[in-house]
PDB file of N, CA and C in Angstrom:
ATOM      1  N   UNK A   1       0.840  -1.171   0.000  1.00  0.00           N
ATOM      2  CA  UNK A   1       0.000   0.000   0.000  1.00  0.00           C
ATOM      3  C   UNK A   1       0.895   1.247   0.000  1.00  0.00           C
ATOM      4  N   UNK A   2       0.579   2.153  -0.871  1.00  0.00           N
ATOM      5  CA  UNK A   2       1.374   3.367  -1.029  1.00  0.00           C
ATOM      6  C   UNK A   2       0.775   4.496  -0.183  1.00  0.00           C
ATOM      7  N   UNK A   3       1.603   5.183   0.588  1.00  0.00           N
ATOM      8  CA  UNK A   3       1.147   6.312   1.398  1.00  0.00           C
ATOM      9  C   UNK A   3       1.364   7.601   0.613  1.00  0.00           C
ATOM     10  N   UNK A   4       0.381   8.479   0.704  1.00  0.00           N
ATOM     11  CA  UNK A   4       0.535   9.778   0.047  1.00  0.00           C
ATOM     12  C   UNK A   4       0.570  10.859   1.114  1.00  0.00           C
ATOM     13  N   UNK A   5       1.312  11.874   0.831  1.00  0.00           N
ATOM     14  CA  UNK A   5       1.427  12.991   1.750  1.00  0.00           C
ATOM     15  C   UNK A   5       0.499  14.104   1.272  1.00  0.00           C
ATOM     16  N   UNK A   6      -0.263  14.654   2.194  1.00  0.00           N
ATOM     17  CA  UNK A   6      -1.227  15.696   1.833  1.00  0.00           C
ATOM     18  C   UNK A   6      -0.852  16.980   2.564  1.00  0.00           C
ATOM     19  N   UNK A   7      -0.816  18.077   1.821  1.00  0.00           N
ATOM     20  CA  UNK A   7      -0.546  19.389   2.399  1.00  0.00           C
ATOM     21  C   UNK A   7      -1.781  20.257   2.216  1.00  0.00           C
ATOM     22  N   UNK A   8      -2.233  20.844   3.303  1.00  0.00           N
ATOM     23  CA  UNK A   8      -3.414  21.710   3.237  1.00  0.00           C
ATOM     24  C   UNK A   8      -2.970  23.149   3.476  1.00  0.00           C
ATOM     25  N   UNK A   9      -3.380  24.040   2.582  1.00  0.00           N
ATOM     26  CA  UNK A   9      -3.027  25.454   2.678  1.00  0.00           C
ATOM     27  C   UNK A   9      -4.313  26.260   2.825  1.00  0.00           C
ATOM     28  N   UNK A  10      -4.330  27.144   3.812  1.00  0.00           N
ATOM     29  CA  UNK A  10      -5.495  27.996   4.048  1.00  0.00           C
ATOM     30  C   UNK A  10      -5.099  29.446   3.795  1.00  0.00           C
ATOM     31  N   UNK A  11      -5.909  30.152   3.016  1.00  0.00           N
ATOM     32  CA  UNK A  11      -5.676  31.566   2.747  1.00  0.00           C
ATOM     33  C   UNK A  11      -6.731  32.389   3.467  1.00  0.00           C
ATOM     34  N   UNK A  12      -6.302  33.448   4.119  1.00  0.00           N
ATOM     35  CA  UNK A  12      -7.233  34.392   4.728  1.00  0.00           C
ATOM     36  C   UNK A  12      -7.071  35.714   4.003  1.00  0.00           C
ATOM     37  N   UNK A  13      -8.195  36.310   3.670  1.00  0.00           N
ATOM     38  CA  UNK A  13      -8.143  37.602   2.993  1.00  0.00           C
ATOM     39  C   UNK A  13      -8.924  38.620   3.799  1.00  0.00           C
ATOM     40  N   UNK A  14      -8.637  39.860   3.569  1.00  0.00           N
ATOM     41  CA  UNK A  14      -9.335  40.947   4.246  1.00  0.00           C
ATOM     42  C   UNK A  14      -9.610  42.057   3.254  1.00  0.00           C
ATOM     43  N   UNK A  15     -10.394  43.006   3.689  1.00  0.00           N
ATOM     44  CA  UNK A  15     -10.740  44.122   2.816  1.00  0.00           C
ATOM     45  C   UNK A  15     -10.705  45.400   3.630  1.00  0.00           C
ATOM     46  N   UNK A  16     -10.130  46.439   3.051  1.00  0.00           N
ATOM     47  CA  UNK A  16     -10.079  47.747   3.679  1.00  0.00           C
ATOM     48  C   UNK A  16     -10.808  48.719   2.778  1.00  0.00           C
ATOM     49  N   UNK A  17     -11.723  49.476   3.353  1.00  0.00           N
ATOM     50  CA  UNK A  17     -12.475  50.472   2.595  1.00  0.00           C
ATOM     51  C   UNK A  17     -12.028  51.846   3.059  1.00  0.00           C
ATOM     52  N   UNK A  18     -11.545  52.653   2.134  1.00  0.00           N
ATOM     53  CA  UNK A  18     -11.127  54.013   2.443  1.00  0.00           C
ATOM     54  C   UNK A  18     -12.117  54.960   1.791  1.00  0.00           C
ATOM     55  N   UNK A  19     -12.744  55.783   2.612  1.00  0.00           N
ATOM     56  CA  UNK A  19     -13.696  56.761   2.098  1.00  0.00           C
ATOM     57  C   UNK A  19     -13.046  58.124   2.215  1.00  0.00           C
ATOM     58  N   UNK A  20     -12.795  58.734   1.088  1.00  0.00           N
ATOM     59  CA  UNK A  20     -12.213  60.070   1.074  1.00  0.00           C
ATOM     60  C   UNK A  20     -13.297  61.064   0.726  1.00  0.00           C
ATOM     61  N   UNK A  21     -13.440  62.042   1.556  1.00  0.00           N
ATOM     62  CA  UNK A  21     -14.458  63.060   1.333  1.00  0.00           C
ATOM     63  C   UNK A  21     -13.840  64.237   0.597  1.00  0.00           C
ATOM     64  N   UNK A  22     -14.645  64.806  -0.256  1.00  0.00           N
ATOM     65  CA  UNK A  22     -14.223  65.990  -0.985  1.00  0.00           C
ATOM     66  C   UNK A  22     -14.152  67.170  -0.021  1.00  0.00           C
ATOM     67  N   UNK A  23     -13.320  68.169  -0.350  1.00  0.00           N
ATOM     68  CA  UNK A  23     -13.322  69.384   0.473  1.00  0.00           C
ATOM     69  C   UNK A  23     -14.735  69.965   0.506  1.00  0.00           C
ATOM     70  N   UNK A  24     -15.143  70.418   1.665  1.00  0.00           N
ATOM     71  CA  UNK A  24     -16.484  70.963   1.797  1.00  0.00           C
ATOM     72  C   UNK A  24     -17.532  69.886   1.983  1.00  0.00           C
ATOM     73  N   UNK A  25     -17.109  68.692   2.407  1.00  0.00           N
ATOM     74  CA  UNK A  25     -18.084  67.622   2.613  1.00  0.00           C
ATOM     75  C   UNK A  25     -19.071  68.058   3.689  1.00  0.00           C
ATOM     76  N   UNK A  26     -20.225  67.460   3.661  1.00  0.00           N
ATOM     77  CA  UNK A  26     -21.329  67.924   4.498  1.00  0.00           C
ATOM     78  C   UNK A  26     -21.312  67.300   5.888  1.00  0.00           C
ATOM     79  N   UNK A  27     -21.249  68.161   6.867  1.00  0.00           N
ATOM     80  CA  UNK A  27     -21.436  67.763   8.259  1.00  0.00           C
ATOM     81  C   UNK A  27     -22.714  68.435   8.709  1.00  0.00           C
ATOM     82  N   UNK A  28     -23.491  67.735   9.486  1.00  0.00           N
ATOM     83  CA  UNK A  28     -24.760  68.293   9.940  1.00  0.00           C
ATOM     84  C   UNK A  28     -25.116  67.703  11.295  1.00  0.00           C
ATOM     85  N   UNK A  29     -26.055  68.339  11.950  1.00  0.00           N
ATOM     86  CA  UNK A  29     -26.524  67.868  13.246  1.00  0.00           C
ATOM     87  C   UNK A  29     -27.521  66.739  13.039  1.00  0.00           C
ATOM     88  N   UNK A  30     -27.278  65.626  13.685  1.00  0.00           N
ATOM     89  CA  UNK A  30     -28.210  64.500  13.652  1.00  0.00           C
ATOM     90  C   UNK A  30     -28.956  64.505  14.980  1.00  0.00           C
ATOM     91  N   UNK A  31     -30.253  64.778  14.921  1.00  0.00           N
ATOM     92  CA  UNK A  31     -31.054  64.845  16.142  1.00  0.00           C
ATOM     93  C   UNK A  31     -31.103  63.490  16.850  1.00  0.00           C
ATOM     94  N   UNK A  32     -31.124  62.410  16.094  1.00  0.00           N
ATOM     95  CA  UNK A  32     -31.194  61.072  16.693  1.00  0.00           C
ATOM     96  C   UNK A  32     -29.903  60.730  17.440  1.00  0.00           C
ATOM     97  N   UNK A  33     -28.760  61.104  16.865  1.00  0.00           N
ATOM     98  CA  UNK A  33     -27.461  60.831  17.498  1.00  0.00           C
ATOM     99  C   UNK A  33     -27.085  61.909  18.513  1.00  0.00           C
ATOM    100  N   UNK A  34     -27.749  63.062  18.416  1.00  0.00           N
ATOM    101  CA  UNK A  34     -27.437  64.227  19.232  1.00  0.00           C
ATOM    102  C   UNK A  34     -25.973  64.610  19.099  1.00  0.00           C
ATOM    103  N   UNK A  35     -25.519  64.671  17.841  1.00  0.00           N
ATOM    104  CA  UNK A  35     -24.133  65.023  17.566  1.00  0.00           C
ATOM    105  C   UNK A  35     -24.007  65.548  16.146  1.00  0.00           C
ATOM    106  N   UNK A  36     -22.928  66.286  15.903  1.00  0.00           N
ATOM    107  CA  UNK A  36     -22.619  66.704  14.541  1.00  0.00           C
ATOM    108  C   UNK A  36     -21.915  65.531  13.869  1.00  0.00           C
ATOM    109  N   UNK A  37     -22.420  65.106  12.741  1.00  0.00           N
ATOM    110  CA  UNK A  37     -21.902  63.909  12.075  1.00  0.00           C
ATOM    111  C   UNK A  37     -21.636  64.182  10.602  1.00  0.00           C
ATOM    112  N   UNK A  38     -20.877  63.307   9.994  1.00  0.00           N
ATOM    113  CA  UNK A  38     -20.635  63.339   8.553  1.00  0.00           C
ATOM    114  C   UNK A  38     -21.854  62.747   7.864  1.00  0.00           C
ATOM    115  N   UNK A  39     -22.417  63.481   6.929  1.00  0.00           N
ATOM    116  CA  UNK A  39     -23.557  62.981   6.169  1.00  0.00           C
ATOM    117  C   UNK A  39     -23.033  62.402   4.855  1.00  0.00           C
ATOM    118  N   UNK A  40     -23.572  61.275   4.449  1.00  0.00           N
ATOM    119  CA  UNK A  40     -23.143  60.619   3.213  1.00  0.00           C
ATOM    120  C   UNK A  40     -24.355  60.407   2.315  1.00  0.00           C
ATOM    121  N   UNK A  41     -24.097  60.213   1.042  1.00  0.00           N
ATOM    122  CA  UNK A  41     -25.182  59.939   0.102  1.00  0.00           C
ATOM    123  C   UNK A  41     -25.639  58.492   0.269  1.00  0.00           C
ATOM    124  N   UNK A  42     -26.772  58.178  -0.308  1.00  0.00           N
ATOM    125  CA  UNK A  42     -27.289  56.805  -0.256  1.00  0.00           C
ATOM    126  C   UNK A  42     -26.286  55.850  -0.900  1.00  0.00           C
ATOM    127  N   UNK A  43     -25.707  56.265  -2.016  1.00  0.00           N
ATOM    128  CA  UNK A  43     -24.741  55.413  -2.718  1.00  0.00           C
ATOM    129  C   UNK A  43     -23.499  55.175  -1.861  1.00  0.00           C
ATOM    130  N   UNK A  44     -22.994  56.239  -1.210  1.00  0.00           N
ATOM    131  CA  UNK A  44     -21.833  56.079  -0.331  1.00  0.00           C
ATOM    132  C   UNK A  44     -22.180  55.184   0.857  1.00  0.00           C
ATOM    133  N   UNK A  45     -23.371  55.363   1.418  1.00  0.00           N
ATOM    134  CA  UNK A  45     -23.810  54.535   2.548  1.00  0.00           C
ATOM    135  C   UNK A  45     -23.868  53.063   2.152  1.00  0.00           C
ATOM    136  N   UNK A  46     -24.334  52.794   0.930  1.00  0.00           N
ATOM    137  CA  UNK A  46     -24.421  51.411   0.452  1.00  0.00           C
ATOM    138  C   UNK A  46     -23.035  50.779   0.356  1.00  0.00           C
ATOM    139  N   UNK A  47     -22.063  51.538  -0.149  1.00  0.00           N
ATOM    140  CA  UNK A  47     -20.696  51.021  -0.264  1.00  0.00           C
ATOM    141  C   UNK A  47     -20.110  50.774   1.121  1.00  0.00           C
ATOM    142  N   UNK A  48     -20.291  51.736   2.025  1.00  0.00           N
ATOM    143  CA  UNK A  48     -19.751  51.602   3.381  1.00  0.00           C
ATOM    144  C   UNK A  48     -20.352  50.393   4.095  1.00  0.00           C
ATOM    145  N   UNK A  49     -21.665  50.223   3.966  1.00  0.00           N
ATOM    146  CA  UNK A  49     -22.354  49.120   4.649  1.00  0.00           C
ATOM    147  C   UNK A  49     -22.233  47.793   3.904  1.00  0.00           C
ATOM    148  N   UNK A  50     -21.784  47.837   2.647  1.00  0.00           N
ATOM    149  CA  UNK A  50     -21.651  46.603   1.868  1.00  0.00           C
ATOM    150  C   UNK A  50     -22.977  46.015   1.443  1.00  0.00           C
ATOM    151  N   UNK A  51     -23.955  46.889   1.193  1.00  0.00           N
ATOM    152  CA  UNK A  51     -25.286  46.450   0.774  1.00  0.00           C
ATOM    153  C   UNK A  51     -25.722  47.275  -0.435  1.00  0.00           C
ATOM    154  N   UNK A  52     -26.898  46.988  -0.955  1.00  0.00           N
ATOM    155  CA  UNK A  52     -27.410  47.744  -2.099  1.00  0.00           C
ATOM    156  C   UNK A  52     -28.059  49.048  -1.633  1.00  0.00           C
ATOM    157  N   UNK A  53     -28.245  49.971  -2.566  1.00  0.00           N
ATOM    158  CA  UNK A  53     -28.936  51.228  -2.265  1.00  0.00           C
ATOM    159  C   UNK A  53     -30.351  50.948  -1.786  1.00  0.00           C
ATOM    160  N   UNK A  54     -30.983  49.959  -2.386  1.00  0.00           N
ATOM    161  CA  UNK A  54     -32.346  49.590  -1.997  1.00  0.00           C
ATOM    162  C   UNK A  54     -32.406  49.165  -0.530  1.00  0.00           C
ATOM    163  N   UNK A  55     -31.393  48.433  -0.078  1.00  0.00           N
ATOM    164  CA  UNK A  55     -31.332  48.015   1.320  1.00  0.00           C
ATOM    165  C   UNK A  55     -31.194  49.226   2.238  1.00  0.00           C
ATOM    166  N   UNK A  56     -30.422  50.219   1.808  1.00  0.00           N
ATOM    167  CA  UNK A  56     -30.286  51.450   2.598  1.00  0.00           C
ATOM    168  C   UNK A  56     -31.643  52.118   2.741  1.00  0.00           C
ATOM    169  N   UNK A  57     -32.399  52.224   1.630  1.00  0.00           N
ATOM    170  CA  UNK A  57     -33.737  52.824   1.694  1.00  0.00           C
ATOM    171  C   UNK A  57     -34.650  52.033   2.637  1.00  0.00           C
ATOM    172  N   UNK A  58     -34.553  50.715   2.599  1.00  0.00           N
ATOM    173  CA  UNK A  58     -35.375  49.878   3.489  1.00  0.00           C
ATOM    174  C   UNK A  58     -35.023  50.131   4.958  1.00  0.00           C
ATOM    175  N   UNK A  59     -33.733  50.254   5.232  1.00  0.00           N
ATOM    176  CA  UNK A  59     -33.299  50.501   6.611  1.00  0.00           C
ATOM    177  C   UNK A  59     -33.729  51.889   7.086  1.00  0.00           C
ATOM    178  N   UNK A  60     -33.723  52.860   6.172  1.00  0.00           N
ATOM    179  CA  UNK A  60     -34.215  54.201   6.516  1.00  0.00           C
ATOM    180  C   UNK A  60     -35.694  54.125   6.866  1.00  0.00           C
ATOM    181  N   UNK A  61     -36.472  53.427   6.018  1.00  0.00           N
ATOM    182  CA  UNK A  61     -37.913  53.289   6.258  1.00  0.00           C
ATOM    183  C   UNK A  61     -38.200  52.565   7.575  1.00  0.00           C
ATOM    184  N   UNK A  62     -37.337  51.633   7.947  1.00  0.00           N
ATOM    185  CA  UNK A  62     -37.518  50.874   9.186  1.00  0.00           C
ATOM    186  C   UNK A  62     -37.002  51.635  10.407  1.00  0.00           C
ATOM    187  N   UNK A  63     -36.352  52.784  10.184  1.00  0.00           N
ATOM    188  CA  UNK A  63     -35.822  53.575  11.290  1.00  0.00           C
ATOM    189  C   UNK A  63     -34.495  53.080  11.825  1.00  0.00           C
ATOM    190  N   UNK A  64     -33.821  52.210  11.093  1.00  0.00           N
ATOM    191  CA  UNK A  64     -32.537  51.666  11.543  1.00  0.00           C
ATOM    192  C   UNK A  64     -31.363  52.547  11.155  1.00  0.00           C
ATOM    193  N   UNK A  65     -31.561  53.427  10.171  1.00  0.00           N
ATOM    194  CA  UNK A  65     -30.541  54.378   9.735  1.00  0.00           C
ATOM    195  C   UNK A  65     -31.174  55.760   9.782  1.00  0.00           C
ATOM    196  N   UNK A  66     -30.424  56.726  10.313  1.00  0.00           N
ATOM    197  CA  UNK A  66     -30.938  58.083  10.439  1.00  0.00           C
ATOM    198  C   UNK A  66     -30.637  58.883   9.176  1.00  0.00           C
ATOM    199  N   UNK A  67     -31.497  59.833   8.894  1.00  0.00           N
ATOM    200  CA  UNK A  67     -31.323  60.663   7.708  1.00  0.00           C
ATOM    201  C   UNK A  67     -31.829  62.063   7.989  1.00  0.00           C
ATOM    202  N   UNK A  68     -31.521  62.959   7.072  1.00  0.00           N
ATOM    203  CA  UNK A  68     -31.990  64.327   7.171  1.00  0.00           C
ATOM    204  C   UNK A  68     -32.589  64.688   5.820  1.00  0.00           C
ATOM    205  N   UNK A  69     -33.876  64.894   5.775  1.00  0.00           N
ATOM    206  CA  UNK A  69     -34.526  65.258   4.519  1.00  0.00           C
ATOM    207  C   UNK A  69     -34.180  66.686   4.116  1.00  0.00           C
ATOM    208  N   UNK A  70     -34.146  66.954   2.828  1.00  0.00           N
ATOM    209  CA  UNK A  70     -33.873  68.298   2.327  1.00  0.00           C
ATOM    210  C   UNK A  70     -34.985  68.708   1.375  1.00  0.00           C
ATOM    211  N   UNK A  71     -35.172  70.015   1.181  1.00  0.00           N
ATOM    212  CA  UNK A  71     -36.201  70.477   0.249  1.00  0.00           C
ATOM    213  C   UNK A  71     -35.964  69.998  -1.189  1.00  0.00           C
ATOM    214  N   UNK A  72     -34.706  69.738  -1.537  1.00  0.00           N
ATOM    215  CA  UNK A  72     -34.370  69.287  -2.891  1.00  0.00           C
ATOM    216  C   UNK A  72     -34.694  67.817  -3.108  1.00  0.00           C
ATOM    217  N   UNK A  73     -35.081  67.124  -2.051  1.00  0.00           N
ATOM    218  CA  UNK A  73     -35.396  65.704  -2.174  1.00  0.00           C
ATOM    219  C   UNK A  73     -34.192  64.794  -2.000  1.00  0.00           C
ATOM    220  N   UNK A  74     -33.044  65.371  -1.633  1.00  0.00           N
ATOM    221  CA  UNK A  74     -31.839  64.579  -1.393  1.00  0.00           C
ATOM    222  C   UNK A  74     -31.975  63.929  -0.019  1.00  0.00           C
ATOM    223  N   UNK A  75     -31.420  62.746   0.142  1.00  0.00           N
ATOM    224  CA  UNK A  75     -31.542  62.014   1.402  1.00  0.00           C
ATOM    225  C   UNK A  75     -30.161  61.791   2.016  1.00  0.00           C
ATOM    226  N   UNK A  76     -29.600  62.810   2.697  1.00  0.00           N
ATOM    227  CA  UNK A  76     -28.309  62.590   3.353  1.00  0.00           C
ATOM    228  C   UNK A  76     -28.470  61.609   4.514  1.00  0.00           C
ATOM    229  N   UNK A  77     -27.565  60.655   4.590  1.00  0.00           N
ATOM    230  CA  UNK A  77     -27.601  59.609   5.609  1.00  0.00           C
ATOM    231  C   UNK A  77     -26.582  59.937   6.697  1.00  0.00           C
ATOM    232  N   UNK A  78     -26.975  59.738   7.944  1.00  0.00           N
ATOM    233  CA  UNK A  78     -26.071  59.936   9.079  1.00  0.00           C
ATOM    234  C   UNK A  78     -25.004  58.837   9.043  1.00  0.00           C
ATOM    235  N   UNK A  79     -23.748  59.240   8.857  1.00  0.00           N
ATOM    236  CA  UNK A  79     -22.665  58.270   8.785  1.00  0.00           C
ATOM    237  C   UNK A  79     -22.501  57.466  10.061  1.00  0.00           C
ATOM    238  N   UNK A  80     -22.781  58.083  11.193  1.00  0.00           N
ATOM    239  CA  UNK A  80     -22.640  57.387  12.475  1.00  0.00           C
ATOM    240  C   UNK A  80     -23.670  56.269  12.622  1.00  0.00           C
ATOM    241  N   UNK A  81     -24.852  56.449  12.062  1.00  0.00           N
ATOM    242  CA  UNK A  81     -25.905  55.438  12.212  1.00  0.00           C
ATOM    243  C   UNK A  81     -25.672  54.200  11.348  1.00  0.00           C
ATOM    244  N   UNK A  82     -24.708  54.251  10.452  1.00  0.00           N
ATOM    245  CA  UNK A  82     -24.422  53.081   9.615  1.00  0.00           C
ATOM    246  C   UNK A  82     -23.841  51.928  10.426  1.00  0.00           C
ATOM    247  N   UNK A  83     -23.351  52.223  11.616  1.00  0.00           N
ATOM    248  CA  UNK A  83     -22.783  51.159  12.447  1.00  0.00           C
ATOM    249  C   UNK A  83     -23.837  50.465  13.296  1.00  0.00           C
ATOM    250  N   UNK A  84     -25.116  50.817  13.123  1.00  0.00           N
ATOM    251  CA  UNK A  84     -26.194  50.182  13.899  1.00  0.00           C
ATOM    252  C   UNK A  84     -26.364  48.735  13.523  1.00  0.00           C
TER     253      UNK A  84
END
């Protein structure tokens, strides 16, 4: 009977997300957090959270992510609430 030698190799990978804000990025008061926070767009929030834009809208509707409505219809998301 012939013996064979087996070598097992395991790879671990990681991911780092760097979000760079443009000069003049928007900071605003979040009443829910009671703090001045960085506001991000829905698209940026989706990238940060690793989900789709639709999921961000669902979480906003469920009250799990804080936002600040604007007269222009833009939906700035509280960056601090993304860690909920």
